[in-house]
């Protein structure tokens, strides 16, 4: 047998093996089946909506000759159980140029106040935000503004709800 004949037979054999493998693969496709849920049990449940209530009566106080603000509030009655409070303090910054929160923190769900230092170099209007954090991380908040004229001339503004 010549080399050429032998090579041709080898190629023909390989091609035949490939066709046979393809035919077997086509035959092993997924077969349809009849399946159904036949469980006669019935489930019942209920769903209730809740709301995380914001703090009430958020107030601001500036102690005499102190470079801090004292914020206080009353915990709301009702609503979903608060997990904690989260607060953000926005200092107006040097020359009244706004900034991201300069101080942040968390407080226990039973807290009713926090003291926050005011920068001696601030000028303008800043704000304090307080968020009641409920189950699943749901939050609702209020904010209180304050004004800085000089390091010792700090006055509290007013409280308002934070838009959702």
Protein backbone atom coordinates (compact mmCIF):
# COMPACT_ATOMS: atom_id res chain seq x y z
CA UNK A 1 0.00 0.00 0.00
CA UNK A 2 1.35 3.37 -0.96
CA UNK A 3 1.59 6.27 1.35
CA UNK A 4 -1.09 8.17 -0.57
CA UNK A 5 -3.60 5.30 -0.37
CA UNK A 6 -2.94 4.89 3.31
CA UNK A 7 -3.51 8.66 3.96
CA UNK A 8 -6.79 8.59 1.97
CA UNK A 9 -8.08 5.61 3.94
CA UNK A 10 -7.17 7.34 7.20
CA UNK A 11 -9.05 10.51 6.18
CA UNK A 12 -12.10 8.54 5.08
CA UNK A 13 -12.07 6.62 8.39
CA UNK A 14 -11.84 9.82 10.41
CA UNK A 15 -14.70 11.38 8.46
CA UNK A 16 -16.88 8.29 9.03
CA UNK A 17 -16.10 8.36 12.76
CA UNK A 18 -17.08 12.05 12.90
CA UNK A 19 -20.40 11.37 11.18
CA UNK A 20 -21.14 8.51 13.56
CA UNK A 21 -20.38 10.69 16.61
CA UNK A 22 -22.65 13.45 15.26
CA UNK A 23 -25.49 11.01 14.73
CA UNK A 24 -25.16 9.77 18.33
CA UNK A 25 -25.16 13.34 19.65
CA UNK A 26 -28.36 14.14 17.77
CA UNK A 27 -30.07 11.09 19.27
CA UNK A 28 -29.19 12.17 22.88
CA UNK A 29 -31.24 15.38 22.91
CA UNK A 30 -33.49 16.10 25.87
CA UNK A 31 -36.70 14.15 25.84
CA UNK A 32 -39.98 15.83 26.70
CA UNK A 33 -41.69 14.74 29.89
CA UNK A 34 -44.98 15.29 31.63
CA UNK A 35 -44.53 16.97 34.99
CA UNK A 36 -47.01 18.86 37.10
CA UNK A 37 -47.44 20.18 40.60
CA UNK A 38 -50.03 18.07 42.33
CA UNK A 39 -49.76 19.36 45.91
CA UNK A 40 -53.20 20.15 47.38
CA UNK A 41 -51.85 22.31 50.25
CA UNK A 42 -52.90 25.94 50.53
CA UNK A 43 -50.82 28.68 52.07
CA UNK A 44 -52.11 31.84 53.72
CA UNK A 45 -50.30 34.94 54.84
CA UNK A 46 -50.75 38.58 55.54
CA UNK A 47 -48.84 41.69 54.68
CA UNK A 48 -48.91 44.98 56.50
CA UNK A 49 -47.26 48.22 55.51
CA UNK A 50 -45.39 50.27 58.06
CA UNK A 51 -43.68 53.62 58.24
CA UNK A 52 -40.48 54.79 59.89
CA UNK A 53 -41.51 57.99 61.64
CA UNK A 54 -39.13 60.96 61.83
CA UNK A 55 -38.15 62.52 65.15
CA UNK A 56 -40.38 65.23 66.56
CA UNK A 57 -39.47 68.73 67.71
CA UNK A 58 -35.88 68.80 66.41
CA UNK A 59 -34.34 71.84 68.06
CA UNK A 60 -30.98 73.57 68.07
CA UNK A 61 -29.26 75.39 70.92
CA UNK A 62 -25.99 77.36 70.90
CA UNK A 63 -24.39 77.44 74.37
CA UNK A 64 -22.81 80.79 75.31
CA UNK A 65 -19.08 81.03 74.46
CA UNK A 66 -19.01 77.50 73.08
CA UNK A 67 -18.04 76.53 69.54
CA UNK A 68 -20.64 73.80 69.30
CA UNK A 69 -24.33 73.30 68.60
CA UNK A 70 -26.57 71.11 70.73
CA UNK A 71 -29.36 69.35 68.83
CA UNK A 72 -32.21 67.65 70.68
CA UNK A 73 -35.46 65.93 69.71
CA UNK A 74 -38.31 63.77 70.95
CA UNK A 75 -38.62 60.19 69.79
CA UNK A 76 -41.87 59.59 67.89
CA UNK A 77 -44.56 57.32 69.25
CA UNK A 78 -45.71 54.57 66.91
CA UNK A 79 -44.47 53.55 63.49
CA UNK A 80 -41.94 50.83 62.84
CA UNK A 81 -39.30 50.19 65.47
CA UNK A 82 -36.24 52.36 64.93
CA UNK A 83 -32.95 50.48 64.75
CA UNK A 84 -30.78 53.57 65.23
CA UNK A 85 -30.34 57.19 64.22
CA UNK A 86 -27.89 58.37 61.57
CA UNK A 87 -26.80 62.01 61.45
CA UNK A 88 -24.89 64.25 59.05
CA UNK A 89 -23.49 67.69 59.81
CA UNK A 90 -22.86 70.03 56.87
CA UNK A 91 -20.52 72.86 57.79
CA UNK A 92 -20.80 75.86 55.42
CA UNK A 93 -16.99 75.92 55.20
CA UNK A 94 -14.55 78.76 54.76
CA UNK A 95 -16.19 81.77 53.08
CA UNK A 96 -19.50 79.93 52.87
CA UNK A 97 -18.32 77.41 50.25
CA UNK A 98 -20.43 74.29 50.78
CA UNK A 99 -18.93 70.92 51.49
CA UNK A 100 -19.95 67.31 51.83
CA UNK A 101 -20.88 66.29 55.38
CA UNK A 102 -17.99 67.29 57.61
CA UNK A 103 -19.12 65.06 60.45
CA UNK A 104 -21.32 61.97 60.51
CA UNK A 105 -22.30 59.44 63.10
CA UNK A 106 -24.82 56.99 64.43
CA UNK A 107 -26.75 57.00 67.69
CA UNK A 108 -28.82 54.48 69.62
CA UNK A 109 -32.53 54.35 68.82
CA UNK A 110 -33.27 55.79 72.28
CA UNK A 111 -31.01 58.85 71.90
CA UNK A 112 -32.56 62.30 72.22
CA UNK A 113 -29.63 64.60 71.52
CA UNK A 114 -26.15 65.13 70.12
CA UNK A 115 -23.49 67.86 70.40
CA UNK A 116 -21.59 68.86 67.24
CA UNK A 117 -18.56 71.20 67.14
CA UNK A 118 -18.73 74.17 64.75
CA UNK A 119 -15.62 75.12 62.77
CA UNK A 120 -14.06 78.43 63.78
CA UNK A 121 -13.39 79.22 60.11
CA UNK A 122 -16.97 78.76 58.87
CA UNK A 123 -19.18 81.47 57.46
CA UNK A 124 -22.69 81.10 56.08
CA UNK A 125 -25.53 78.63 56.46
CA UNK A 126 -25.04 74.98 57.30
CA UNK A 127 -27.39 72.21 58.29
CA UNK A 128 -27.73 69.17 60.49
CA UNK A 129 -29.64 66.14 59.20
CA UNK A 130 -31.05 63.43 61.42
CA UNK A 131 -32.39 60.16 59.97
CA UNK A 132 -34.47 57.58 61.85
CA UNK A 133 -33.34 54.18 60.52
CA UNK A 134 -35.90 51.39 60.60
CA UNK A 135 -35.94 47.70 59.65
CA UNK A 136 -34.27 46.90 56.36
CA UNK A 137 -32.40 50.22 56.37
CA UNK A 138 -35.47 52.34 55.55
CA UNK A 139 -34.92 55.95 56.61
CA UNK A 140 -36.82 59.17 57.11
CA UNK A 141 -35.25 62.39 58.18
CA UNK A 142 -35.47 66.01 59.27
CA UNK A 143 -32.93 68.79 59.02
CA UNK A 144 -32.14 71.91 60.99
CA UNK A 145 -30.30 74.93 59.59
CA UNK A 146 -27.84 77.14 61.42
CA UNK A 147 -26.01 80.33 60.52
CA UNK A 148 -22.40 81.25 61.22
CA UNK A 149 -21.39 84.92 61.13
CA UNK A 150 -18.14 84.59 63.09
CA UNK A 151 -16.64 81.87 65.26
CA UNK A 152 -18.70 82.93 68.27
CA UNK A 153 -21.77 84.30 66.46
CA UNK A 154 -23.63 81.14 65.60
CA UNK A 155 -27.42 81.09 65.52
CA UNK A 156 -29.89 78.29 64.98
CA UNK A 157 -32.33 78.46 62.10
CA UNK A 158 -35.37 76.26 61.59
CA UNK A 159 -36.22 72.58 61.26
CA UNK A 160 -37.87 71.03 58.20
CA UNK A 161 -38.54 67.63 56.69
CA UNK A 162 -36.02 66.27 54.20
CA UNK A 163 -37.76 65.67 50.86
CA UNK A 164 -37.92 62.01 49.88
